[in-house]
């Protein structure tokens, strides 16, 4: 329907906000403001409130794709395919039918009692109020009239003669509009400087709510924004504090780390059950939940040092994971905290099945996958793809090359492969004491595993030692800040944001590596408010990744 008109949209220029604080280097030059499509997680979270707790959500939407490791950046760099348009259309009708089917949910959504089969005034009130929530802004009178007329036309049809059926079709139209599917952030010239675009307060309401909640703004945030309150630093700080204190901050933290750590892929985890007897279809979902619960506890409940996600010996475990980790289940049902056994070298994220199983093959471990994850996701050190026609298969097990370390050693003798694999394989070998689903083992092919190595002149004996080395590496915390900032603003970190990123990194360190504190700093930073520069130089051209990461 309406979405098809914008299926090729990718970017727009975008403008209010508090005065920018001076950078310690040079003022950041904002990147072009992306027109971001809702990710599947964001879409489903918004519409779940429309269909109510008993509603059935659409099973398939336009596929999300990564860009610089994040689905949120991919959503700013892809258009909607023809198949995607059809999926959004089917989803819109499914949602609308459930929303207006009757009962308490219909009463909650329809703000007026219709006076007959055709009631244009009530239809307009419905469109204005629900449309404002879905589109994250107030609708113009013309927009309200267009969708209300759909409701009136349908209800007026003698073959239908149903007021709520008319609202259903109007709602389906609202849900197919680009104003819903896309996060439309256009902006306007900044006050006193018409060469710079700054996001409006209403646009900032969405930017804030998606950053902190992974969801659309609520009524209070929208009302404050419509009154121009977010341009006042004190009011902005008050609203940011409210967003952090709200229960929905858990959704925001989960959404971000789902993307950063690729946890969504665990829904499709498959392992060979003939090789791993502890494997079951519940492993992937349980592994994802373990990591997210640990992050919730560390980031929200404790407001603690983020580096603890690599070094903590306490974690949430259910019966599925207890069988994999070979520890007593701390609870009969669901998850509960337990202390990991020290003799396994299992600490933090590097001991989680979410990391270990996701970065392995179906029947065997992979030093390449595990090492690549550490380099790219945790240290922001991208590994280039292998050259064309290069054989990437490791040598078979022989008497001279029994363990994975032996076979990797042979692989690294090839200079074509070694330049990249020497960045990944030595790190990945630190996890060889955990098999492809994350169960501890001390031997491979009846040979004792050597999990030691060196990273940037720092030696380690096993995965726990590597975790401590990386937690102490400044590049780990720099990479995290860069990733979170990219997620928030919708564009990859580059040289134009170097001064601001330096300040955010310093703020992160000074706060004791508290995630919520750096999120608060991002929400009040100039680059989060600035949309683009309209005239003149668009800023220095730089490599995508900062030099020091």
Protein backbone atom coordinates (compact mmCIF):
# COMPACT_ATOMS: atom_id res chain seq x y z
CA UNK A 1 0.00 0.00 0.00
CA UNK A 2 1.54 3.35 1.11
CA UNK A 3 4.87 1.73 1.95
CA UNK A 4 5.46 0.81 -1.68
CA UNK A 5 5.78 4.51 -2.46
CA UNK A 6 8.86 4.71 -0.26
CA UNK A 7 10.36 1.26 -0.82
CA UNK A 8 13.49 2.83 -2.30
CA UNK A 9 14.06 5.37 0.48
CA UNK A 10 17.42 5.27 2.22
CA UNK A 11 18.49 8.67 3.58
CA UNK A 12 17.25 12.19 4.18
CA UNK A 13 18.72 15.42 5.41
CA UNK A 14 17.72 16.19 8.89
CA UNK A 15 17.14 19.85 13.26
CA UNK A 16 16.30 21.80 18.35
CA UNK A 17 18.17 20.62 21.29
CA UNK A 18 20.43 21.83 24.06
CA UNK A 19 23.47 23.87 23.25
CA UNK A 20 26.40 21.71 22.21
CA UNK A 21 29.16 21.44 24.79
CA UNK A 22 32.56 22.36 23.35
CA UNK A 23 34.69 19.44 22.25
CA UNK A 24 38.19 19.16 23.60
CA UNK A 25 39.43 18.67 20.03
CA UNK A 26 37.36 20.01 17.15
CA UNK A 27 33.58 20.39 16.92
CA UNK A 28 32.11 17.15 15.59
CA UNK A 29 30.83 17.29 12.05
CA UNK A 30 27.55 15.38 11.93
CA UNK A 31 27.07 12.66 9.38
CA UNK A 32 24.07 12.72 7.07
CA UNK A 33 21.02 11.76 9.08
CA UNK A 34 19.90 8.29 8.03
CA UNK A 35 16.28 7.38 7.43
CA UNK A 36 16.18 4.24 9.55
CA UNK A 37 13.66 1.49 9.01
CA UNK A 38 12.31 -0.11 12.18
CA UNK A 39 14.15 -3.31 12.93
CA UNK A 40 11.97 -6.37 13.43
CA UNK A 41 12.46 -6.13 17.21
CA UNK A 42 11.38 -2.48 17.26
CA UNK A 43 8.40 -3.11 14.98
CA UNK A 44 7.14 -6.03 17.05
CA UNK A 45 7.57 -4.18 20.33
CA UNK A 46 5.45 -1.26 19.10
CA UNK A 47 2.65 -3.36 17.62
CA UNK A 48 2.52 -5.70 20.60
CA UNK A 49 0.91 -2.85 22.51
CA UNK A 50 -1.68 -2.48 19.73
CA UNK A 51 -2.75 -6.12 19.62
CA UNK A 52 -2.64 -6.52 23.39
CA UNK A 53 -1.15 -9.30 25.53
CA UNK A 54 -3.16 -12.05 23.84
CA UNK A 55 -2.40 -10.92 20.28
CA UNK A 56 -0.51 -12.92 17.69
CA UNK A 57 2.42 -11.03 16.20
CA UNK A 58 3.48 -11.38 12.55
CA UNK A 59 5.97 -14.19 12.09
CA UNK A 60 7.92 -12.64 9.25
CA UNK A 61 8.75 -9.11 8.14
CA UNK A 62 11.37 -7.62 5.86
CA UNK A 63 14.68 -9.29 6.73
CA UNK A 64 17.07 -7.29 8.91
CA UNK A 65 20.64 -6.96 7.67
CA UNK A 66 23.84 -5.92 9.39
CA UNK A 67 26.05 -2.97 8.54
CA UNK A 68 29.21 -2.43 10.58
CA UNK A 69 28.00 -5.28 12.78
CA UNK A 70 24.64 -3.74 13.78
CA UNK A 71 21.12 -4.35 12.51
CA UNK A 72 20.23 -0.76 13.40
CA UNK A 73 22.86 0.50 10.96
CA UNK A 74 21.72 -1.99 8.33
CA UNK A 75 18.20 -0.58 8.69
CA UNK A 76 19.59 2.79 7.58
CA UNK A 77 21.30 1.40 4.50
CA UNK A 78 18.70 -0.87 2.89
CA UNK A 79 15.44 -0.30 1.09
CA UNK A 80 12.31 -2.45 1.36
CA UNK A 81 12.07 -5.24 -1.20
CA UNK A 82 8.87 -6.03 -3.08
CA UNK A 83 8.50 -9.15 -0.93
CA UNK A 84 9.01 -6.97 2.13
CA UNK A 85 6.19 -4.65 1.07
CA UNK A 86 3.89 -7.65 0.84
CA UNK A 87 4.97 -8.90 4.28
CA UNK A 88 4.32 -5.51 5.86
CA UNK A 89 0.89 -5.44 4.20
CA UNK A 90 -0.04 -8.89 5.54
CA UNK A 91 1.27 -7.92 8.97
CA UNK A 92 -0.77 -4.69 8.97
CA UNK A 93 -4.04 -6.51 8.27
CA UNK A 94 -3.25 -9.21 10.86
CA UNK A 95 -2.55 -6.58 13.52
CA UNK A 96 -5.53 -4.40 12.64
CA UNK A 97 -7.96 -7.31 12.64
CA UNK A 98 -6.88 -8.37 16.13
CA UNK A 99 -6.79 -4.84 17.48
CA UNK A 100 -10.39 -4.04 16.49
CA UNK A 101 -11.92 -7.52 16.90
CA UNK A 102 -13.75 -6.53 20.06
CA UNK A 103 -13.49 -6.85 23.82
CA UNK A 104 -11.24 -4.89 26.19
CA UNK A 105 -8.55 -4.31 23.55
CA UNK A 106 -10.97 -2.52 21.21
CA UNK A 107 -12.30 -0.46 24.12
CA UNK A 108 -8.75 0.55 25.02
CA UNK A 109 -7.89 1.67 21.48
CA UNK A 110 -11.12 3.39 20.40
CA UNK A 111 -11.41 6.64 22.39
CA UNK A 112 -15.07 7.35 21.59
CA UNK A 113 -18.44 5.69 21.28
CA UNK A 114 -19.61 5.79 17.63
CA UNK A 115 -22.96 7.40 16.95
CA UNK A 116 -24.14 4.97 14.32
CA UNK A 117 -22.41 2.90 11.64
CA UNK A 118 -20.82 6.02 10.15
CA UNK A 119 -19.26 8.51 12.57
CA UNK A 120 -16.60 10.66 10.90
CA UNK A 121 -15.82 12.57 14.08
CA UNK A 122 -15.13 9.44 16.10
CA UNK A 123 -13.08 7.99 13.23
CA UNK A 124 -10.97 11.16 13.15
CA UNK A 125 -10.38 10.97 16.90
CA UNK A 126 -9.28 7.33 16.59
CA UNK A 127 -6.88 8.11 13.74
CA UNK A 128 -5.48 11.19 15.47
CA UNK A 129 -4.77 9.45 18.79
CA UNK A 130 -3.56 6.03 17.63
CA UNK A 131 -1.77 7.52 14.62
CA UNK A 132 0.20 9.82 16.92
CA UNK A 133 1.38 6.82 18.91
CA UNK A 134 2.31 4.75 15.86
CA UNK A 135 3.96 7.55 13.86
CA UNK A 136 5.67 8.98 16.94
CA UNK A 137 4.37 12.48 16.12
CA UNK A 138 1.12 14.35 15.74
CA UNK A 139 -0.66 13.88 12.42
CA UNK A 140 -1.60 16.88 10.33
CA UNK A 141 -5.28 17.61 9.74
CA UNK A 142 -4.88 16.41 6.16
CA UNK A 143 -3.33 13.12 7.25
CA UNK A 144 -6.11 12.57 9.78
CA UNK A 145 -8.75 13.32 7.17
CA UNK A 146 -7.22 10.88 4.68
CA UNK A 147 -7.26 7.88 7.00
CA UNK A 148 -10.56 8.80 8.64
CA UNK A 149 -12.12 8.90 5.17
CA UNK A 150 -10.95 5.33 4.60
CA UNK A 151 -12.83 4.32 7.74
CA UNK A 152 -15.95 6.21 6.66
CA UNK A 153 -15.90 4.78 3.12
CA UNK A 154 -15.60 1.20 4.37
CA UNK A 155 -18.27 1.60 7.04
CA UNK A 156 -20.61 3.24 4.49
CA UNK A 157 -20.45 0.22 2.18
CA UNK A 158 -23.85 -1.52 2.54
CA UNK A 159 -22.12 -4.90 2.25
CA UNK A 160 -20.01 -4.07 5.33
CA UNK A 161 -21.96 -1.52 7.40
CA UNK A 162 -19.58 -1.84 10.36
CA UNK A 163 -17.94 1.17 12.02
CA UNK A 164 -15.12 -0.85 13.58
CA UNK A 165 -14.42 -2.64 10.30
CA UNK A 166 -13.79 0.80 8.84
CA UNK A 167 -11.36 1.61 11.66
CA UNK A 168 -9.62 -1.69 10.96
CA UNK A 169 -8.85 -0.67 7.39
CA UNK A 170 -7.73 2.80 8.50
CA UNK A 171 -5.38 1.22 11.06
CA UNK A 172 -3.98 -1.12 8.41
CA UNK A 173 -3.20 1.96 6.33
CA UNK A 174 -1.42 3.68 9.23
CA UNK A 175 0.69 0.59 9.76
CA UNK A 176 1.76 0.44 6.11
CA UNK A 177 2.77 4.07 5.92
CA UNK A 178 6.48 4.97 5.68
CA UNK A 179 5.81 7.26 8.64
CA UNK A 180 5.39 4.12 10.74
CA UNK A 181 7.82 1.73 9.04
CA UNK A 182 10.62 4.31 9.02
CA UNK A 183 11.99 6.49 11.78
CA UNK A 184 11.47 9.77 9.95
CA UNK A 185 13.93 12.28 11.42
CA UNK A 186 14.23 15.28 9.09
CA UNK A 187 15.19 18.22 11.31
CA UNK A 188 15.36 21.92 10.58
CA UNK A 189 18.04 24.66 10.45
CA UNK A 190 19.52 25.28 13.89
CA UNK A 191 18.59 28.53 15.57
CA UNK A 192 21.13 31.18 14.64
CA UNK A 193 22.94 28.92 12.15
CA UNK A 194 20.99 27.97 9.05
CA UNK A 195 23.94 25.94 7.72
CA UNK A 196 23.36 23.25 10.36
CA UNK A 197 20.39 20.96 10.71
CA UNK A 198 19.26 19.89 14.16
CA UNK A 199 16.64 17.37 15.07
CA UNK A 200 13.40 18.76 16.43
CA UNK A 201 12.22 17.97 19.94
CA UNK A 202 9.62 15.52 18.62
CA UNK A 203 12.24 13.73 16.54
CA UNK A 204 14.49 13.64 19.58
CA UNK A 205 11.73 11.98 21.59
CA UNK A 206 11.96 9.00 19.24
CA UNK A 207 15.77 9.00 19.25
CA UNK A 208 15.76 8.94 23.04
CA UNK A 209 13.08 6.27 23.42
CA UNK A 210 14.64 3.94 20.87
CA UNK A 211 18.05 4.35 22.52
CA UNK A 212 16.87 3.69 26.07
CA UNK A 213 13.80 1.50 25.52
CA UNK A 214 14.12 0.09 22.01
CA UNK A 215 10.54 1.30 21.62
CA UNK A 216 8.41 4.30 20.61
CA UNK A 217 8.10 7.25 22.99
CA UNK A 218 5.34 7.17 25.58
CA UNK A 219 2.70 9.86 26.09
CA UNK A 220 4.73 11.86 28.62
CA UNK A 221 7.85 12.05 26.46
CA UNK A 222 5.82 13.01 23.38
CA UNK A 223 3.95 15.69 25.31
CA UNK A 224 7.16 17.19 26.67
CA UNK A 225 8.67 17.15 23.20
CA UNK A 226 5.63 18.78 21.58
CA UNK A 227 5.89 21.57 24.16
CA UNK A 228 9.55 22.11 23.22
CA UNK A 229 10.75 20.88 26.60
CA UNK A 230 13.60 18.68 25.38
CA UNK A 231 15.48 21.78 24.17
CA UNK A 232 15.86 22.74 27.83
CA UNK A 233 18.91 20.94 29.31
CA UNK A 234 17.26 20.52 32.73
CA UNK A 235 14.10 19.01 31.25
CA UNK A 236 16.14 16.80 28.94
CA UNK A 237 18.17 15.51 31.89
CA UNK A 238 14.98 14.86 33.84
CA UNK A 239 13.45 12.87 30.98
CA UNK A 240 16.63 10.85 30.42
CA UNK A 241 16.59 9.97 34.12
CA UNK A 242 12.96 8.89 33.84
CA UNK A 243 13.71 6.70 30.82
CA UNK A 244 16.55 5.00 32.70
CA UNK A 245 14.43 4.46 35.81
CA UNK A 246 11.54 2.95 33.84
CA UNK A 247 11.15 -0.83 33.62
CA UNK A 248 11.38 -0.54 29.83
CA UNK A 249 15.11 0.17 30.10
CA UNK A 250 15.46 -3.63 30.14
CA UNK A 251 14.02 -3.75 26.62
CA UNK A 252 16.54 -1.15 25.46
CA UNK A 253 19.53 -2.93 26.98
CA UNK A 254 18.40 -6.26 25.56
CA UNK A 255 17.84 -4.83 22.09
CA UNK A 256 21.29 -3.26 21.93
CA UNK A 257 23.20 -6.29 23.19
CA UNK A 258 21.13 -8.61 21.01
CA UNK A 259 22.57 -6.69 18.06
CA UNK A 260 26.10 -6.18 19.34
CA UNK A 261 26.64 -9.79 20.42
CA UNK A 262 24.60 -11.37 17.57
CA UNK A 263 22.35 -13.09 20.12
CA UNK A 264 19.37 -13.14 17.77
CA UNK A 265 21.17 -15.80 15.73
CA UNK A 266 20.81 -18.22 18.66
CA UNK A 267 17.20 -18.77 17.66
CA UNK A 268 18.54 -20.77 14.70
CA UNK A 269 21.30 -22.66 16.55
CA UNK A 270 21.81 -26.19 15.28
CA UNK A 271 24.31 -28.78 16.52
CA UNK A 272 24.84 -32.44 15.75
CA UNK A 273 22.95 -34.34 18.48
CA UNK A 274 24.92 -37.52 17.74
CA UNK A 275 28.12 -35.69 18.74
CA UNK A 276 26.70 -33.60 21.60
CA UNK A 277 24.28 -35.57 23.75
CA UNK A 278 23.57 -32.52 25.94
CA UNK A 279 22.36 -30.53 22.94
CA UNK A 280 18.64 -29.76 22.60
CA UNK A 281 16.52 -27.25 20.71
CA UNK A 282 16.25 -25.25 23.93
CA UNK A 283 20.00 -24.55 24.07
CA UNK A 284 19.98 -21.50 21.76
CA UNK A 285 17.13 -19.64 23.51
CA UNK A 286 18.51 -20.54 26.95
CA UNK A 287 22.00 -19.36 26.02
CA UNK A 288 20.63 -16.04 24.76
CA UNK A 289 18.61 -15.53 27.94
CA UNK A 290 21.60 -16.30 30.17
CA UNK A 291 23.71 -13.59 28.56
CA UNK A 292 20.91 -11.02 28.57
CA UNK A 293 20.04 -11.71 32.22
CA UNK A 294 23.69 -11.28 33.18
CA UNK A 295 23.81 -7.98 31.28
CA UNK A 296 20.56 -6.79 32.87
CA UNK A 297 21.96 -7.50 36.31
CA UNK A 298 25.32 -5.86 35.62
CA UNK A 299 24.13 -2.81 33.70
CA UNK A 300 20.78 -2.03 35.37
CA UNK A 301 20.44 -3.70 38.77
CA UNK A 302 24.06 -3.14 39.82
CA UNK A 303 24.93 -0.19 37.55
CA UNK A 304 28.36 -1.78 37.66
CA UNK A 305 31.68 -1.93 35.84
CA UNK A 306 30.92 -3.19 32.32
CA UNK A 307 34.22 -5.08 32.17
CA UNK A 308 32.65 -7.52 34.62
CA UNK A 309 30.77 -9.10 31.73
CA UNK A 310 34.09 -10.74 30.84
CA UNK A 311 35.36 -11.59 34.32
CA UNK A 312 32.37 -12.47 36.51
CA UNK A 313 32.20 -15.96 38.01
CA UNK A 314 28.46 -15.66 38.78
CA UNK A 315 25.86 -16.23 36.09
CA UNK A 316 22.25 -17.17 35.46
CA UNK A 317 21.68 -20.82 34.59
CA UNK A 318 18.62 -22.96 33.89
CA UNK A 319 18.39 -26.76 33.69
CA UNK A 320 19.30 -26.80 29.99
CA UNK A 321 22.52 -24.87 30.56
CA UNK A 322 23.32 -26.74 33.78
CA UNK A 323 23.49 -29.94 31.76
CA UNK A 324 25.85 -28.32 29.24
CA UNK A 325 28.05 -26.71 31.89
CA UNK A 326 27.92 -29.82 34.10
CA UNK A 327 26.92 -27.92 37.20
CA UNK A 328 23.96 -28.50 39.54
CA UNK A 329 20.81 -26.71 38.37
CA UNK A 330 20.19 -23.86 40.87
CA UNK A 331 16.43 -23.92 40.23
CA UNK A 332 13.86 -26.51 39.20
CA UNK A 333 12.18 -24.04 36.85
CA UNK A 334 13.63 -21.05 35.04
CA UNK A 335 16.90 -19.26 35.68
CA UNK A 336 18.74 -18.65 38.93
CA UNK A 337 22.18 -17.37 39.86
CA UNK A 338 25.01 -19.82 40.42
CA UNK A 339 28.78 -19.67 40.91
CA UNK A 340 30.77 -21.18 38.06
CA UNK A 341 33.27 -23.93 38.99
CA UNK A 342 36.80 -22.48 39.12
CA UNK A 343 38.43 -25.61 37.71
CA UNK A 344 36.80 -25.09 34.28
CA UNK A 345 38.27 -21.64 33.61
CA UNK A 346 34.72 -20.56 32.76
CA UNK A 347 34.22 -16.84 33.45
CA UNK A 348 31.97 -14.17 32.00
CA UNK A 349 30.88 -14.02 28.38
CA UNK A 350 33.73 -16.27 27.25
CA UNK A 351 32.23 -19.08 29.30
CA UNK A 352 28.70 -18.58 27.94
CA UNK A 353 27.21 -21.02 25.45
CA UNK A 354 25.90 -17.94 23.59
CA UNK A 355 29.46 -17.10 22.56
CA UNK A 356 30.97 -20.58 22.44
CA UNK A 357 28.19 -22.38 20.55
CA UNK A 358 27.34 -19.55 18.19
CA UNK A 359 30.96 -19.27 17.08
CA UNK A 360 31.48 -22.95 16.34
CA UNK A 361 30.54 -25.42 13.63
CA UNK A 362 27.71 -27.93 13.92
CA UNK A 363 30.02 -30.73 15.04
CA UNK A 364 33.30 -29.05 15.98
CA UNK A 365 34.85 -25.93 17.46
CA UNK A 366 36.28 -23.09 15.39
CA UNK A 367 39.29 -21.05 16.42
CA UNK A 368 38.61 -18.78 13.44
CA UNK A 369 35.00 -17.98 14.33
CA UNK A 370 35.75 -17.41 18.00
CA UNK A 371 38.86 -15.34 17.36
CA UNK A 372 37.11 -13.31 14.67
CA UNK A 373 34.26 -12.50 17.06
CA UNK A 374 36.68 -11.21 19.69
CA UNK A 375 38.61 -9.09 17.19
CA UNK A 376 35.63 -7.61 15.37
CA UNK A 377 32.90 -7.35 18.01
CA UNK A 378 34.89 -6.69 21.18
CA UNK A 379 37.99 -4.91 19.83
CA UNK A 380 36.56 -3.28 16.65
CA UNK A 381 39.35 -4.74 14.56
CA UNK A 382 37.67 -5.84 11.30
CA UNK A 383 39.13 -8.90 9.57
CA UNK A 384 39.08 -8.77 5.75
CA UNK A 385 37.47 -11.67 3.88
CA UNK A 386 39.78 -14.34 2.42
CA UNK A 387 41.07 -13.78 -1.11
CA UNK A 388 39.12 -15.49 -3.89
CA UNK A 389 39.91 -19.14 -4.63
CA UNK A 390 41.88 -19.60 -1.39
CA UNK A 391 41.35 -22.92 0.36
CA UNK A 392 40.20 -22.08 3.89
CA UNK A 393 39.76 -25.69 5.05
CA UNK A 394 42.08 -26.81 7.84
CA UNK A 395 44.24 -29.90 7.33
CA UNK A 396 42.72 -33.23 8.39
CA UNK A 397 43.69 -34.91 11.66
CA UNK A 398 46.92 -36.87 11.27
CA UNK A 399 49.37 -38.48 13.66
CA UNK A 400 51.53 -35.34 13.38
CA UNK A 401 48.60 -32.94 13.70
CA UNK A 402 46.09 -34.24 16.23
CA UNK A 403 44.64 -31.19 18.00
CA UNK A 404 43.17 -28.07 16.47
CA UNK A 405 46.26 -26.15 17.61
CA UNK A 406 48.43 -28.55 15.57
CA UNK A 407 46.32 -28.14 12.46
CA UNK A 408 46.10 -24.38 12.83
CA UNK A 409 49.89 -24.29 13.09
CA UNK A 410 50.17 -25.92 9.68
CA UNK A 411 47.59 -23.52 8.29
CA UNK A 412 49.59 -20.53 9.50
CA UNK A 413 52.64 -21.60 7.53
CA UNK A 414 50.85 -20.41 4.39
CA UNK A 415 51.76 -16.70 4.07
CA UNK A 416 48.55 -15.97 2.14
CA UNK A 417 46.46 -17.17 5.10
CA UNK A 418 48.74 -16.21 7.96
CA UNK A 419 48.36 -12.42 7.68
CA UNK A 420 44.74 -12.60 8.82
CA UNK A 421 44.60 -15.91 10.66
CA UNK A 422 47.36 -14.94 13.04
CA UNK A 423 44.96 -12.26 14.31
CA UNK A 424 42.16 -14.75 14.93
CA UNK A 425 43.45 -18.26 15.49
CA UNK A 426 45.72 -17.70 18.53
CA UNK A 427 42.82 -15.99 20.28
CA UNK A 428 40.33 -18.67 19.25
CA UNK A 429 42.57 -21.43 20.55
CA UNK A 430 42.13 -20.05 24.08
CA UNK A 431 38.59 -21.45 24.01
CA UNK A 432 39.53 -24.99 22.95
CA UNK A 433 38.77 -26.28 26.43
CA UNK A 434 35.09 -25.73 25.52
CA UNK A 435 33.50 -27.83 22.81
CA UNK A 436 31.06 -26.61 20.15
CA UNK A 437 28.13 -26.31 22.58
CA UNK A 438 30.21 -24.93 25.47
CA UNK A 439 30.88 -28.04 27.55
CA UNK A 440 34.24 -28.10 29.30
CA UNK A 441 36.85 -30.61 28.13
CA UNK A 442 40.50 -31.02 29.01
CA UNK A 443 41.53 -33.19 26.06
CA UNK A 444 41.06 -33.18 22.29
CA UNK A 445 41.62 -36.48 20.44
CA UNK A 446 43.02 -37.87 23.73
CA UNK A 447 45.67 -35.14 23.81
CA UNK A 448 45.69 -32.52 26.57
CA UNK A 449 44.60 -29.14 25.26
CA UNK A 450 46.98 -26.20 25.38
CA UNK A 451 44.83 -23.05 25.61
CA UNK A 452 47.64 -20.60 26.31
CA UNK A 453 48.64 -17.69 24.14
CA UNK A 454 49.73 -14.06 23.94
CA UNK A 455 47.69 -10.99 22.99
CA UNK A 456 49.58 -7.72 22.54
CA UNK A 457 52.47 -8.93 24.72
CA UNK A 458 50.09 -10.09 27.47
CA UNK A 459 50.30 -13.83 28.12
CA UNK A 460 47.33 -15.96 29.17
CA UNK A 461 46.87 -19.63 30.08
CA UNK A 462 43.24 -20.18 29.13
CA UNK A 463 39.95 -18.46 28.32
CA UNK A 464 39.72 -16.97 31.81
CA UNK A 465 43.19 -15.49 31.43
CA UNK A 466 42.31 -14.09 28.00
CA UNK A 467 39.16 -12.53 29.49
CA UNK A 468 41.25 -10.68 32.05
CA UNK A 469 43.68 -9.49 29.36
CA UNK A 470 40.90 -8.12 27.16
CA UNK A 471 39.02 -6.55 30.07
CA UNK A 472 42.18 -4.57 30.86
CA UNK A 473 42.75 -3.59 27.23
CA UNK A 474 41.70 0.06 26.55
CA UNK A 475 40.62 -0.99 23.06
CA UNK A 476 37.84 -3.12 24.57
CA UNK A 477 36.18 -0.17 26.29
CA UNK A 478 36.87 2.16 23.35
CA UNK A 479 35.26 -0.32 21.00
CA UNK A 480 32.22 -0.62 23.24
CA UNK A 481 31.70 3.16 23.36
CA UNK A 482 32.11 3.43 19.58
CA UNK A 483 29.58 0.64 19.00
CA UNK A 484 27.02 2.10 21.40
CA UNK A 485 27.45 5.55 19.84
CA UNK A 486 26.99 4.15 16.32
CA UNK A 487 23.85 2.33 17.47
CA UNK A 488 22.47 5.54 18.97
CA UNK A 489 23.12 7.94 16.07
CA UNK A 490 22.53 5.48 13.22
CA UNK A 491 25.89 5.96 11.48
CA UNK A 492 29.25 4.20 11.95
CA UNK A 493 31.93 5.86 14.06
CA UNK A 494 34.30 7.85 11.88
CA UNK A 495 36.77 10.73 12.01
CA UNK A 496 34.04 13.36 12.09
CA UNK A 497 33.05 12.21 15.59
CA UNK A 498 36.57 11.68 16.93
CA UNK A 499 36.52 14.56 19.42
CA UNK A 500 33.12 13.60 20.77
CA UNK A 501 34.05 9.92 20.96
CA UNK A 502 37.19 10.78 22.92
CA UNK A 503 35.07 12.68 25.43
CA UNK A 504 32.56 9.84 25.70
CA UNK A 505 35.34 7.33 26.24
CA UNK A 506 36.80 9.51 29.00
CA UNK A 507 33.35 9.82 30.58
CA UNK A 508 32.99 6.03 30.48
CA UNK A 509 36.31 5.52 32.25
CA UNK A 510 35.68 8.25 34.84
CA UNK A 511 32.25 6.78 35.65
CA UNK A 512 33.77 3.42 36.50
CA UNK A 513 32.78 1.91 33.12
CA UNK A 514 29.03 2.28 33.76
CA UNK A 515 26.94 1.70 30.65
CA UNK A 516 23.97 3.81 31.73
CA UNK A 517 26.27 6.76 32.35
CA UNK A 518 27.72 6.69 28.84
CA UNK A 519 24.19 6.30 27.42
CA UNK A 520 23.20 9.42 29.35
CA UNK A 521 26.24 11.22 27.95
CA UNK A 522 25.36 10.20 24.38
CA UNK A 523 21.78 11.45 24.81
CA UNK A 524 23.04 14.97 25.56
CA UNK A 525 25.94 14.99 23.08
CA UNK A 526 26.06 17.31 20.04
CA UNK A 527 26.23 14.52 17.45
CA UNK A 528 23.07 12.95 18.86
CA UNK A 529 21.21 16.22 18.26
CA UNK A 530 22.89 17.46 15.07
CA UNK A 531 21.45 16.09 11.85
CA UNK A 532 23.73 17.41 9.10
CA UNK A 533 25.56 20.36 7.62
CA UNK A 534 23.67 21.88 4.71
CA UNK A 535 26.43 23.86 3.00
CA UNK A 536 30.19 23.88 2.90
CA UNK A 537 32.60 21.08 3.66
CA UNK A 538 30.92 17.92 4.88
CA UNK A 539 33.88 17.08 7.07
CA UNK A 540 37.14 15.20 6.77
CA UNK A 541 37.25 11.89 4.99
CA UNK A 542 38.69 9.16 7.16
CA UNK A 543 38.93 5.42 7.45
CA UNK A 544 35.72 3.95 8.89
CA UNK A 545 37.42 2.78 12.07
CA UNK A 546 39.32 5.18 14.36
CA UNK A 547 43.07 4.74 14.24
CA UNK A 548 43.33 3.78 17.89
CA UNK A 549 40.90 0.88 17.67
